[in-house]
Amino acid sequence: MKKLIVLVSIAIGLASCEKENCNCGVIQSDNATNYSVTIKNSCSGNVKTFYLSAADWMEAHPGNDYCITNVESW
């Protein structure tokens, strides 16, 4: 019975771990001229510049996490 409880606890613990989202990263810098942000990917460490709408750019601040939804990863 103890083994079963331990196994169930481990299974629940593993199932509760979230898979890292490879579309997200930390905003390194932004550019008001063209509403772009440069983001360092959380999975790969790659840095890429993305062009946002003015409204989205207003919510994207350097140092914050940000996800790009129209790409799989970079």
Protein backbone atom coordinates (compact mmCIF):
# COMPACT_ATOMS: atom_id res chain seq x y z
CA MET A 1 0.00 0.00 0.00
CA LYS A 2 2.84 2.40 0.81
CA LYS A 3 4.45 1.71 -2.56
CA LEU A 4 1.16 2.53 -4.30
CA ILE A 5 0.86 5.83 -2.43
CA VAL A 6 4.44 6.74 -3.33
CA LEU A 7 3.90 5.86 -6.99
CA VAL A 8 0.66 7.87 -7.16
CA SER A 9 2.38 10.84 -5.51
CA ILE A 10 5.23 10.71 -8.02
CA ALA A 11 2.80 10.43 -10.94
CA ILE A 12 0.83 13.44 -9.73
CA GLY A 13 4.01 15.42 -9.22
CA LEU A 14 5.26 14.68 -12.72
CA ALA A 15 1.87 15.41 -14.30
CA SER A 16 1.70 18.78 -12.58
CA CYS A 17 4.98 19.98 -14.11
CA GLU A 18 4.30 22.41 -16.90
CA LYS A 19 6.07 22.01 -20.21
CA GLU A 20 8.17 25.08 -20.94
CA ASN A 21 6.67 27.26 -23.64
CA CYS A 22 9.30 27.74 -26.33
CA ASN A 23 7.41 30.69 -27.86
CA CYS A 24 8.25 32.84 -24.85
CA GLY A 25 11.21 34.75 -23.57
CA VAL A 26 12.41 37.88 -21.81
CA ILE A 27 12.22 41.20 -23.61
CA GLN A 28 15.77 42.53 -23.93
CA SER A 29 14.96 45.87 -25.56
CA ASP A 30 12.24 47.77 -27.38
CA ASN A 31 12.11 50.35 -30.15
CA ALA A 32 9.39 53.04 -30.23
CA THR A 33 10.16 53.99 -33.83
CA ASN A 34 8.89 50.73 -35.33
CA TYR A 35 7.12 49.10 -32.34
CA SER A 36 9.61 46.25 -32.18
CA VAL A 37 10.89 44.22 -29.26
CA THR A 38 13.99 42.05 -29.05
CA ILE A 39 13.31 38.86 -27.09
CA LYS A 40 15.68 36.21 -25.76
CA ASN A 41 14.00 32.80 -26.10
CA SER A 42 13.58 30.90 -22.82
CA CYS A 43 14.34 27.51 -24.39
CA SER A 44 17.04 28.13 -26.99
CA GLY A 45 18.61 31.35 -25.73
CA ASN A 46 18.34 32.78 -29.25
CA VAL A 47 17.59 36.49 -29.59
CA LYS A 48 15.15 37.74 -32.24
CA THR A 49 13.38 41.01 -33.04
CA PHE A 50 9.60 41.00 -33.47
CA TYR A 51 7.39 43.80 -34.77
CA LEU A 52 4.24 44.36 -32.73
CA SER A 53 1.10 46.42 -33.09
CA ALA A 54 1.18 49.73 -31.23
CA ALA A 55 -1.25 48.39 -28.61
CA ASP A 56 0.79 45.23 -27.98
CA TRP A 57 4.03 47.22 -27.89
CA MET A 58 2.60 49.46 -25.13
CA GLU A 59 2.21 46.35 -22.92
CA ALA A 60 5.64 44.86 -23.71
CA HIS A 61 8.32 46.19 -21.36
CA PRO A 62 12.03 45.25 -21.24
CA GLY A 63 12.69 42.68 -18.52
CA ASN A 64 9.19 41.18 -18.76
CA ASP A 65 8.31 37.77 -20.13
CA TYR A 66 6.54 37.89 -23.49
CA CYS A 67 5.15 35.18 -25.76
CA ILE A 68 4.89 35.34 -29.54
CA THR A 69 1.91 33.29 -30.70
CA ASN A 70 2.42 33.21 -34.48
CA VAL A 71 5.71 31.25 -34.40
CA GLU A 72 6.54 27.78 -33.11
CA SER A 73 9.89 28.76 -31.61
CA TRP A 74 13.07 30.52 -32.60
